[in-house]
Amino acid sequence: MTHFVTGLFFILLGYLIKYKQWSWLIAGYNTSSKEEKATYDKQALCNGVGNFIFLLSGLLFITGLGEFLNMTWITKYSWIIAIIAIILFLIYANTGNRFKK
């Protein structure tokens, strides 16, 4: 049940970041100076982070489904996929200046 509630919360966060442009929820960006923030494309950053949070919410729902159905292999693999997704997104976000103007 906890995974479903957390998944709903992540959907809310993803919506607020992607569609409402609440960039202050993005760690690191919210503490940057105005000069440094000016070097980033806020639209692309919010879009990328919002999509990633939607992906994590989907994985949380899959984890919750695995627990609900008492199928531990679903839970185990969804966590493995989540860890891989986090690592790949960190690499994606920090290479190639994807979110810079």
PDB file of N, CA and C in Angstrom:
ATOM      1  N   MET A   1       0.816  -1.194   0.000  1.00  0.00           N
ATOM      2  CA  MET A   1       0.000   0.000   0.000  1.00  0.00           C
ATOM      3  C   MET A   1       0.862   1.261   0.000  1.00  0.00           C
ATOM      4  N   THR A   2       1.966   1.205   0.713  1.00  0.00           N
ATOM      5  CA  THR A   2       2.858   2.365   0.806  1.00  0.00           C
ATOM      6  C   THR A   2       3.402   2.753  -0.560  1.00  0.00           C
ATOM      7  N   HIS A   3       3.720   1.761  -1.383  1.00  0.00           N
ATOM      8  CA  HIS A   3       4.253   2.054  -2.710  1.00  0.00           C
ATOM      9  C   HIS A   3       3.215   2.750  -3.601  1.00  0.00           C
ATOM     10  N   PHE A   4       1.950   2.393  -3.441  1.00  0.00           N
ATOM     11  CA  PHE A   4       0.913   3.041  -4.228  1.00  0.00           C
ATOM     12  C   PHE A   4       0.747   4.512  -3.827  1.00  0.00           C
ATOM     13  N   VAL A   5       0.759   4.766  -2.525  1.00  0.00           N
ATOM     14  CA  VAL A   5       0.628   6.143  -2.036  1.00  0.00           C
ATOM     15  C   VAL A   5       1.840   6.972  -2.465  1.00  0.00           C
ATOM     16  N   THR A   6       3.020   6.404  -2.355  1.00  0.00           N
ATOM     17  CA  THR A   6       4.230   7.107  -2.781  1.00  0.00           C
ATOM     18  C   THR A   6       4.206   7.336  -4.290  1.00  0.00           C
ATOM     19  N   GLY A   7       3.710   6.375  -5.040  1.00  0.00           N
ATOM     20  CA  GLY A   7       3.574   6.521  -6.483  1.00  0.00           C
ATOM     21  C   GLY A   7       2.636   7.665  -6.839  1.00  0.00           C
ATOM     22  N   LEU A   8       1.524   7.787  -6.121  1.00  0.00           N
ATOM     23  CA  LEU A   8       0.600   8.911  -6.345  1.00  0.00           C
ATOM     24  C   LEU A   8       1.269  10.245  -6.022  1.00  0.00           C
ATOM     25  N   PHE A   9       2.050  10.269  -4.952  1.00  0.00           N
ATOM     26  CA  PHE A   9       2.776  11.485  -4.583  1.00  0.00           C
ATOM     27  C   PHE A   9       3.790  11.853  -5.669  1.00  0.00           C
ATOM     28  N   PHE A  10       4.467  10.863  -6.225  1.00  0.00           N
ATOM     29  CA  PHE A  10       5.427  11.119  -7.305  1.00  0.00           C
ATOM     30  C   PHE A  10       4.720  11.624  -8.562  1.00  0.00           C
ATOM     31  N   ILE A  11       3.528  11.126  -8.830  1.00  0.00           N
ATOM     32  CA  ILE A  11       2.772  11.642  -9.970  1.00  0.00           C
ATOM     33  C   ILE A  11       2.452  13.119  -9.763  1.00  0.00           C
ATOM     34  N   LEU A  12       2.065  13.471  -8.548  1.00  0.00           N
ATOM     35  CA  LEU A  12       1.806  14.877  -8.231  1.00  0.00           C
ATOM     36  C   LEU A  12       3.066  15.724  -8.414  1.00  0.00           C
ATOM     37  N   LEU A  13       4.195  15.244  -7.903  1.00  0.00           N
ATOM     38  CA  LEU A  13       5.456  15.976  -8.064  1.00  0.00           C
ATOM     39  C   LEU A  13       5.836  16.108  -9.537  1.00  0.00           C
ATOM     40  N   GLY A  14       5.705  15.030 -10.292  1.00  0.00           N
ATOM     41  CA  GLY A  14       6.020  15.073 -11.712  1.00  0.00           C
ATOM     42  C   GLY A  14       5.149  16.063 -12.454  1.00  0.00           C
ATOM     43  N   TYR A  15       3.872  16.100 -12.118  1.00  0.00           N
ATOM     44  CA  TYR A  15       2.955  17.052 -12.743  1.00  0.00           C
ATOM     45  C   TYR A  15       3.354  18.488 -12.413  1.00  0.00           C
ATOM     46  N   LEU A  16       3.643  18.736 -11.146  1.00  0.00           N
ATOM     47  CA  LEU A  16       3.994  20.100 -10.732  1.00  0.00           C
ATOM     48  C   LEU A  16       5.289  20.571 -11.383  1.00  0.00           C
ATOM     49  N   ILE A  17       6.251  19.675 -11.497  1.00  0.00           N
ATOM     50  CA  ILE A  17       7.529  20.073 -12.103  1.00  0.00           C
ATOM     51  C   ILE A  17       7.390  20.216 -13.608  1.00  0.00           C
ATOM     52  N   LYS A  18       6.766  19.247 -14.268  1.00  0.00           N
ATOM     53  CA  LYS A  18       6.721  19.266 -15.727  1.00  0.00           C
ATOM     54  C   LYS A  18       5.741  20.300 -16.275  1.00  0.00           C
ATOM     55  N   TYR A  19       4.550  20.344 -15.738  1.00  0.00           N
ATOM     56  CA  TYR A  19       3.513  21.174 -16.339  1.00  0.00           C
ATOM     57  C   TYR A  19       3.344  22.534 -15.666  1.00  0.00           C
ATOM     58  N   LYS A  20       3.639  22.636 -14.392  1.00  0.00           N
ATOM     59  CA  LYS A  20       3.511  23.910 -13.686  1.00  0.00           C
ATOM     60  C   LYS A  20       4.844  24.638 -13.545  1.00  0.00           C
ATOM     61  N   GLN A  21       5.934  24.001 -14.023  1.00  0.00           N
ATOM     62  CA  GLN A  21       7.273  24.594 -14.014  1.00  0.00           C
ATOM     63  C   GLN A  21       7.745  24.950 -12.599  1.00  0.00           C
ATOM     64  N   TRP A  22       7.458  24.107 -11.635  1.00  0.00           N
ATOM     65  CA  TRP A  22       7.898  24.331 -10.266  1.00  0.00           C
ATOM     66  C   TRP A  22       9.354  23.884 -10.141  1.00  0.00           C
ATOM     67  N   SER A  23      10.235  24.645 -10.747  1.00  0.00           N
ATOM     68  CA  SER A  23      11.657  24.279 -10.761  1.00  0.00           C
ATOM     69  C   SER A  23      12.293  24.364  -9.389  1.00  0.00           C
ATOM     70  N   TRP A  24      11.662  25.050  -8.458  1.00  0.00           N
ATOM     71  CA  TRP A  24      12.219  25.151  -7.113  1.00  0.00           C
ATOM     72  C   TRP A  24      12.189  23.810  -6.386  1.00  0.00           C
ATOM     73  N   LEU A  25      11.482  22.828  -6.945  1.00  0.00           N
ATOM     74  CA  LEU A  25      11.484  21.489  -6.358  1.00  0.00           C
ATOM     75  C   LEU A  25      12.691  20.662  -6.803  1.00  0.00           C
ATOM     76  N   ILE A  26      13.451  21.161  -7.765  1.00  0.00           N
ATOM     77  CA  ILE A  26      14.600  20.422  -8.284  1.00  0.00           C
ATOM     78  C   ILE A  26      15.822  20.781  -7.446  1.00  0.00           C
ATOM     79  N   ALA A  27      16.355  19.794  -6.756  1.00  0.00           N
ATOM     80  CA  ALA A  27      17.509  20.015  -5.888  1.00  0.00           C
ATOM     81  C   ALA A  27      18.705  20.479  -6.707  1.00  0.00           C
ATOM     82  N   GLY A  28      19.411  21.447  -6.198  1.00  0.00           N
ATOM     83  CA  GLY A  28      20.569  21.988  -6.896  1.00  0.00           C
ATOM     84  C   GLY A  28      20.193  23.191  -7.731  1.00  0.00           C
ATOM     85  N   TYR A  29      19.119  23.087  -8.481  1.00  0.00           N
ATOM     86  CA  TYR A  29      18.670  24.221  -9.290  1.00  0.00           C
ATOM     87  C   TYR A  29      18.092  25.309  -8.391  1.00  0.00           C
ATOM     88  N   ASN A  30      17.373  24.890  -7.364  1.00  0.00           N
ATOM     89  CA  ASN A  30      16.727  25.864  -6.494  1.00  0.00           C
ATOM     90  C   ASN A  30      17.721  26.657  -5.643  1.00  0.00           C
ATOM     91  N   THR A  31      18.919  26.139  -5.453  1.00  0.00           N
ATOM     92  CA  THR A  31      19.918  26.844  -4.644  1.00  0.00           C
ATOM     93  C   THR A  31      20.967  27.552  -5.497  1.00  0.00           C
ATOM     94  N   SER A  32      20.829  27.475  -6.807  1.00  0.00           N
ATOM     95  CA  SER A  32      21.788  28.126  -7.705  1.00  0.00           C
ATOM     96  C   SER A  32      21.581  29.633  -7.700  1.00  0.00           C
ATOM     97  N   SER A  33      22.648  30.332  -8.061  1.00  0.00           N
ATOM     98  CA  SER A  33      22.548  31.786  -8.179  1.00  0.00           C
ATOM     99  C   SER A  33      21.733  32.142  -9.422  1.00  0.00           C
ATOM    100  N   LYS A  34      21.266  33.382  -9.473  1.00  0.00           N
ATOM    101  CA  LYS A  34      20.492  33.821 -10.639  1.00  0.00           C
ATOM    102  C   LYS A  34      21.316  33.731 -11.910  1.00  0.00           C
ATOM    103  N   GLU A  35      22.604  33.997 -11.818  1.00  0.00           N
ATOM    104  CA  GLU A  35      23.475  33.919 -12.988  1.00  0.00           C
ATOM    105  C   GLU A  35      23.581  32.487 -13.499  1.00  0.00           C
ATOM    106  N   GLU A  36      23.715  31.547 -12.566  1.00  0.00           N
ATOM    107  CA  GLU A  36      23.818  30.141 -12.976  1.00  0.00           C
ATOM    108  C   GLU A  36      22.480  29.619 -13.504  1.00  0.00           C
ATOM    109  N   LYS A  37      21.376  30.036 -12.884  1.00  0.00           N
ATOM    110  CA  LYS A  37      20.058  29.624 -13.371  1.00  0.00           C
ATOM    111  C   LYS A  37      19.820  30.132 -14.789  1.00  0.00           C
ATOM    112  N   ALA A  38      20.379  31.288 -15.108  1.00  0.00           N
ATOM    113  CA  ALA A  38      20.188  31.874 -16.436  1.00  0.00           C
ATOM    114  C   ALA A  38      20.852  31.042 -17.531  1.00  0.00           C
ATOM    115  N   THR A  39      21.808  30.182 -17.161  1.00  0.00           N
ATOM    116  CA  THR A  39      22.484  29.348 -18.159  1.00  0.00           C
ATOM    117  C   THR A  39      21.699  28.083 -18.486  1.00  0.00           C
ATOM    118  N   TYR A  40      20.637  27.803 -17.728  1.00  0.00           N
ATOM    119  CA  TYR A  40      19.846  26.595 -17.942  1.00  0.00           C
ATOM    120  C   TYR A  40      18.568  26.900 -18.701  1.00  0.00           C
ATOM    121  N   ASP A  41      18.130  25.940 -19.505  1.00  0.00           N
ATOM    122  CA  ASP A  41      16.842  26.007 -20.172  1.00  0.00           C
ATOM    123  C   ASP A  41      15.817  25.419 -19.201  1.00  0.00           C
ATOM    124  N   LYS A  42      15.091  26.301 -18.533  1.00  0.00           N
ATOM    125  CA  LYS A  42      14.170  25.876 -17.474  1.00  0.00           C
ATOM    126  C   LYS A  42      13.106  24.926 -18.013  1.00  0.00           C
ATOM    127  N   GLN A  43      12.593  25.183 -19.203  1.00  0.00           N
ATOM    128  CA  GLN A  43      11.567  24.333 -19.813  1.00  0.00           C
ATOM    129  C   GLN A  43      12.091  22.911 -20.027  1.00  0.00           C
ATOM    130  N   ALA A  44      13.290  22.787 -20.602  1.00  0.00           N
ATOM    131  CA  ALA A  44      13.864  21.466 -20.867  1.00  0.00           C
ATOM    132  C   ALA A  44      14.194  20.743 -19.561  1.00  0.00           C
ATOM    133  N   LEU A  45      14.704  21.476 -18.578  1.00  0.00           N
ATOM    134  CA  LEU A  45      15.041  20.878 -17.285  1.00  0.00           C
ATOM    135  C   LEU A  45      13.789  20.347 -16.595  1.00  0.00           C
ATOM    136  N   CYS A  46      12.745  21.160 -16.525  1.00  0.00           N
ATOM    137  CA  CYS A  46      11.507  20.724 -15.885  1.00  0.00           C
ATOM    138  C   CYS A  46      10.875  19.559 -16.637  1.00  0.00           C
ATOM    139  N   ASN A  47      10.943  19.590 -17.955  1.00  0.00           N
ATOM    140  CA  ASN A  47      10.394  18.508 -18.761  1.00  0.00           C
ATOM    141  C   ASN A  47      11.142  17.198 -18.497  1.00  0.00           C
ATOM    142  N   GLY A  48      12.468  17.248 -18.494  1.00  0.00           N
ATOM    143  CA  GLY A  48      13.267  16.041 -18.273  1.00  0.00           C
ATOM    144  C   GLY A  48      13.093  15.465 -16.881  1.00  0.00           C
ATOM    145  N   VAL A  49      13.152  16.316 -15.870  1.00  0.00           N
ATOM    146  CA  VAL A  49      13.009  15.841 -14.491  1.00  0.00           C
ATOM    147  C   VAL A  49      11.580  15.349 -14.248  1.00  0.00           C
ATOM    148  N   GLY A  50      10.593  16.051 -14.791  1.00  0.00           N
ATOM    149  CA  GLY A  50       9.205  15.609 -14.634  1.00  0.00           C
ATOM    150  C   GLY A  50       8.973  14.237 -15.248  1.00  0.00           C
ATOM    151  N   ASN A  51       9.491  14.024 -16.451  1.00  0.00           N
ATOM    152  CA  ASN A  51       9.354  12.709 -17.094  1.00  0.00           C
ATOM    153  C   ASN A  51      10.039  11.621 -16.281  1.00  0.00           C
ATOM    154  N   PHE A  52      11.199  11.937 -15.720  1.00  0.00           N
ATOM    155  CA  PHE A  52      11.911  10.946 -14.914  1.00  0.00           C
ATOM    156  C   PHE A  52      11.107  10.600 -13.661  1.00  0.00           C
ATOM    157  N   ILE A  53      10.492  11.577 -13.049  1.00  0.00           N
ATOM    158  CA  ILE A  53       9.693  11.304 -11.852  1.00  0.00           C
ATOM    159  C   ILE A  53       8.458  10.472 -12.217  1.00  0.00           C
ATOM    160  N   PHE A  54       7.874  10.721 -13.390  1.00  0.00           N
ATOM    161  CA  PHE A  54       6.761   9.872 -13.846  1.00  0.00           C
ATOM    162  C   PHE A  54       7.230   8.420 -14.020  1.00  0.00           C
ATOM    163  N   LEU A  55       8.437   8.229 -14.549  1.00  0.00           N
ATOM    164  CA  LEU A  55       8.991   6.883 -14.692  1.00  0.00           C
ATOM    165  C   LEU A  55       9.139   6.209 -13.328  1.00  0.00           C
ATOM    166  N   LEU A  56       9.675   6.946 -12.367  1.00  0.00           N
ATOM    167  CA  LEU A  56       9.825   6.378 -11.024  1.00  0.00           C
ATOM    168  C   LEU A  56       8.476   6.051 -10.385  1.00  0.00           C
ATOM    169  N   SER A  57       7.465   6.872 -10.638  1.00  0.00           N
ATOM    170  CA  SER A  57       6.143   6.578 -10.074  1.00  0.00           C
ATOM    171  C   SER A  57       5.588   5.280 -10.681  1.00  0.00           C
ATOM    172  N   GLY A  58       5.803   5.071 -11.968  1.00  0.00           N
ATOM    173  CA  GLY A  58       5.372   3.826 -12.589  1.00  0.00           C
ATOM    174  C   GLY A  58       6.068   2.617 -11.981  1.00  0.00           C
ATOM    175  N   LEU A  59       7.359   2.769 -11.732  1.00  0.00           N
ATOM    176  CA  LEU A  59       8.100   1.675 -11.099  1.00  0.00           C
ATOM    177  C   LEU A  59       7.620   1.425  -9.670  1.00  0.00           C
ATOM    178  N   LEU A  60       7.225   2.476  -8.968  1.00  0.00           N
ATOM    179  CA  LEU A  60       6.671   2.293  -7.622  1.00  0.00           C
ATOM    180  C   LEU A  60       5.344   1.532  -7.678  1.00  0.00           C
ATOM    181  N   PHE A  61       4.514   1.840  -8.679  1.00  0.00           N
ATOM    182  CA  PHE A  61       3.259   1.100  -8.828  1.00  0.00           C
ATOM    183  C   PHE A  61       3.520  -0.371  -9.138  1.00  0.00           C
ATOM    184  N   ILE A  62       4.506  -0.647  -9.962  1.00  0.00           N
ATOM    185  CA  ILE A  62       4.854  -2.036 -10.272  1.00  0.00           C
ATOM    186  C   ILE A  62       5.359  -2.741  -9.013  1.00  0.00           C
ATOM    187  N   THR A  63       6.169  -2.049  -8.221  1.00  0.00           N
ATOM    188  CA  THR A  63       6.645  -2.621  -6.957  1.00  0.00           C
ATOM    189  C   THR A  63       5.474  -2.921  -6.033  1.00  0.00           C
ATOM    190  N   GLY A  64       4.545  -1.977  -5.926  1.00  0.00           N
ATOM    191  CA  GLY A  64       3.364  -2.194  -5.093  1.00  0.00           C
ATOM    192  C   GLY A  64       2.516  -3.351  -5.581  1.00  0.00           C
ATOM    193  N   LEU A  65       2.405  -3.478  -6.895  1.00  0.00           N
ATOM    194  CA  LEU A  65       1.651  -4.600  -7.461  1.00  0.00           C
ATOM    195  C   LEU A  65       2.319  -5.926  -7.107  1.00  0.00           C
ATOM    196  N   GLY A  66       3.650  -5.951  -7.174  1.00  0.00           N
ATOM    197  CA  GLY A  66       4.378  -7.167  -6.799  1.00  0.00           C
ATOM    198  C   GLY A  66       4.161  -7.545  -5.347  1.00  0.00           C
ATOM    199  N   GLU A  67       4.151  -6.539  -4.479  1.00  0.00           N
ATOM    200  CA  GLU A  67       3.889  -6.827  -3.065  1.00  0.00           C
ATOM    201  C   GLU A  67       2.449  -7.267  -2.847  1.00  0.00           C
ATOM    202  N   PHE A  68       1.511  -6.615  -3.521  1.00  0.00           N
ATOM    203  CA  PHE A  68       0.093  -6.957  -3.377  1.00  0.00           C
ATOM    204  C   PHE A  68      -0.175  -8.390  -3.829  1.00  0.00           C
ATOM    205  N   LEU A  69       0.452  -8.791  -4.935  1.00  0.00           N
ATOM    206  CA  LEU A  69       0.265 -10.135  -5.464  1.00  0.00           C
ATOM    207  C   LEU A  69       1.190 -11.157  -4.816  1.00  0.00           C
ATOM    208  N   ASN A  70       2.021 -10.693  -3.886  1.00  0.00           N
ATOM    209  CA  ASN A  70       2.983 -11.548  -3.189  1.00  0.00           C
ATOM    210  C   ASN A  70       3.922 -12.245  -4.171  1.00  0.00           C
ATOM    211  N   MET A  71       4.342 -11.488  -5.172  1.00  0.00           N
ATOM    212  CA  MET A  71       5.287 -11.987  -6.172  1.00  0.00           C
ATOM    213  C   MET A  71       6.592 -11.221  -5.970  1.00  0.00           C
ATOM    214  N   THR A  72       7.470 -11.777  -5.172  1.00  0.00           N
ATOM    215  CA  THR A  72       8.684 -11.059  -4.797  1.00  0.00           C
ATOM    216  C   THR A  72       9.599 -10.789  -5.983  1.00  0.00           C
ATOM    217  N   TRP A  73       9.506 -11.597  -7.031  1.00  0.00           N
ATOM    218  CA  TRP A  73      10.387 -11.365  -8.183  1.00  0.00           C
ATOM    219  C   TRP A  73      10.027 -10.050  -8.877  1.00  0.00           C
ATOM    220  N   ILE A  74       8.743  -9.677  -8.899  1.00  0.00           N
ATOM    221  CA  ILE A  74       8.346  -8.397  -9.497  1.00  0.00           C
ATOM    222  C   ILE A  74       8.932  -7.252  -8.692  1.00  0.00           C
ATOM    223  N   THR A  75       8.821  -7.356  -7.379  1.00  0.00           N
ATOM    224  CA  THR A  75       9.350  -6.315  -6.502  1.00  0.00           C
ATOM    225  C   THR A  75      10.852  -6.186  -6.665  1.00  0.00           C
ATOM    226  N   LYS A  76      11.540  -7.316  -6.682  1.00  0.00           N
ATOM    227  CA  LYS A  76      12.998  -7.300  -6.800  1.00  0.00           C
ATOM    228  C   LYS A  76      13.449  -6.672  -8.121  1.00  0.00           C
ATOM    229  N   TYR A  77      12.846  -7.102  -9.217  1.00  0.00           N
ATOM    230  CA  TYR A  77      13.264  -6.577 -10.519  1.00  0.00           C
ATOM    231  C   TYR A  77      12.867  -5.121 -10.728  1.00  0.00           C
ATOM    232  N   SER A  78      11.746  -4.714 -10.160  1.00  0.00           N
ATOM    233  CA  SER A  78      11.373  -3.305 -10.310  1.00  0.00           C
ATOM    234  C   SER A  78      12.341  -2.402  -9.556  1.00  0.00           C
ATOM    235  N   TRP A  79      12.847  -2.840  -8.419  1.00  0.00           N
ATOM    236  CA  TRP A  79      13.860  -2.054  -7.698  1.00  0.00           C
ATOM    237  C   TRP A  79      15.174  -2.027  -8.471  1.00  0.00           C
ATOM    238  N   ILE A  80      15.538  -3.139  -9.058  1.00  0.00           N
ATOM    239  CA  ILE A  80      16.761  -3.167  -9.871  1.00  0.00           C
ATOM    240  C   ILE A  80      16.629  -2.214 -11.060  1.00  0.00           C
ATOM    241  N   ILE A  81      15.476  -2.238 -11.717  1.00  0.00           N
ATOM    242  CA  ILE A  81      15.242  -1.338 -12.847  1.00  0.00           C
ATOM    243  C   ILE A  81      15.266   0.119 -12.374  1.00  0.00           C
ATOM    244  N   ALA A  82      14.705   0.394 -11.198  1.00  0.00           N
ATOM    245  CA  ALA A  82      14.703   1.763 -10.662  1.00  0.00           C
ATOM    246  C   ALA A  82      16.126   2.250 -10.408  1.00  0.00           C
ATOM    247  N   ILE A  83      16.962   1.412  -9.840  1.00  0.00           N
ATOM    248  CA  ILE A  83      18.356   1.802  -9.574  1.00  0.00           C
ATOM    249  C   ILE A  83      19.087   2.058 -10.883  1.00  0.00           C
ATOM    250  N   ILE A  84      18.889   1.191 -11.860  1.00  0.00           N
ATOM    251  CA  ILE A  84      19.524   1.389 -13.174  1.00  0.00           C
ATOM    252  C   ILE A  84      19.012   2.672 -13.821  1.00  0.00           C
ATOM    253  N   ALA A  85      17.702   2.934 -13.724  1.00  0.00           N
ATOM    254  CA  ALA A  85      17.121   4.148 -14.310  1.00  0.00           C
ATOM    255  C   ALA A  85      17.694   5.404 -13.660  1.00  0.00           C
ATOM    256  N   ILE A  86      17.873   5.371 -12.345  1.00  0.00           N
ATOM    257  CA  ILE A  86      18.443   6.528 -11.642  1.00  0.00           C
ATOM    258  C   ILE A  86      19.866   6.784 -12.115  1.00  0.00           C
ATOM    259  N   ILE A  87      20.657   5.738 -12.197  1.00  0.00           N
ATOM    260  CA  ILE A  87      22.046   5.895 -12.650  1.00  0.00           C
ATOM    261  C   ILE A  87      22.095   6.416 -14.084  1.00  0.00           C
ATOM    262  N   LEU A  88      21.269   5.845 -14.956  1.00  0.00           N
ATOM    263  CA  LEU A  88      21.262   6.288 -16.349  1.00  0.00           C
ATOM    264  C   LEU A  88      20.769   7.732 -16.493  1.00  0.00           C
ATOM    265  N   PHE A  89      19.770   8.130 -15.693  1.00  0.00           N
ATOM    266  CA  PHE A  89      19.306   9.513 -15.772  1.00  0.00           C
ATOM    267  C   PHE A  89      20.366  10.481 -15.264  1.00  0.00           C
ATOM    268  N   LEU A  90      21.074  10.107 -14.212  1.00  0.00           N
ATOM    269  CA  LEU A  90      22.148  10.977 -13.718  1.00  0.00           C
ATOM    270  C   LEU A  90      23.235  11.158 -14.770  1.00  0.00           C
ATOM    271  N   ILE A  91      23.575  10.088 -15.455  1.00  0.00           N
ATOM    272  CA  ILE A  91      24.563  10.194 -16.529  1.00  0.00           C
ATOM    273  C   ILE A  91      24.011  11.049 -17.663  1.00  0.00           C
ATOM    274  N   TYR A  92      22.765  10.803 -18.050  1.00  0.00           N
ATOM    275  CA  TYR A  92      22.133  11.555 -19.132  1.00  0.00           C
ATOM    276  C   TYR A  92      22.061  13.050 -18.803  1.00  0.00           C
ATOM    277  N   ALA A  93      21.656  13.373 -17.585  1.00  0.00           N
ATOM    278  CA  ALA A  93      21.465  14.775 -17.202  1.00  0.00           C
ATOM    279  C   ALA A  93      22.783  15.522 -17.059  1.00  0.00           C
ATOM    280  N   ASN A  94      23.855  14.820 -16.743  1.00  0.00           N
ATOM    281  CA  ASN A  94      25.124  15.491 -16.465  1.00  0.00           C
ATOM    282  C   ASN A  94      26.118  15.432 -17.604  1.00  0.00           C
ATOM    283  N   THR A  95      25.707  14.904 -18.746  1.00  0.00           N
ATOM    284  CA  THR A  95      26.591  14.878 -19.908  1.00  0.00           C
ATOM    285  C   THR A  95      25.932  15.584 -21.068  1.00  0.00           C
ATOM    286  N   GLY A  96      26.714  16.178 -21.904  1.00  0.00           N
ATOM    287  CA  GLY A  96      26.207  16.763 -23.132  1.00  0.00           C
ATOM    288  C   GLY A  96      25.500  18.086 -22.981  1.00  0.00           C
ATOM    289  N   ASN A  97      25.514  18.702 -21.792  1.00  0.00           N
ATOM    290  CA  ASN A  97      24.842  19.988 -21.571  1.00  0.00           C
ATOM    291  C   ASN A  97      23.407  19.982 -22.097  1.00  0.00           C
ATOM    292  N   ARG A  98      22.677  18.927 -21.806  1.00  0.00           N
ATOM    293  CA  ARG A  98      21.323  18.764 -22.318  1.00  0.00           C
ATOM    294  C   ARG A  98      20.346  19.821 -21.826  1.00  0.00           C
ATOM    295  N   PHE A  99      20.566  20.329 -20.655  1.00  0.00           N
ATOM    296  CA  PHE A  99      19.628  21.289 -20.082  1.00  0.00           C
ATOM    297  C   PHE A  99      20.189  22.713 -20.064  1.00  0.00           C
ATOM    298  N   LYS A 100      21.289  22.922 -20.737  1.00  0.00           N
ATOM    299  CA  LYS A 100      21.870  24.269 -20.837  1.00  0.00           C
ATOM    300  C   LYS A 100      21.275  24.990 -22.042  1.00  0.00           C
ATOM    301  N   LYS A 101      21.307  26.310 -21.979  1.00  0.00           N
ATOM    302  CA  LYS A 101      20.811  27.116 -23.103  1.00  0.00           C
ATOM    303  C   LYS A 101      21.801  27.113 -24.231  1.00  0.00           C
TER     304      LYS A 101
END
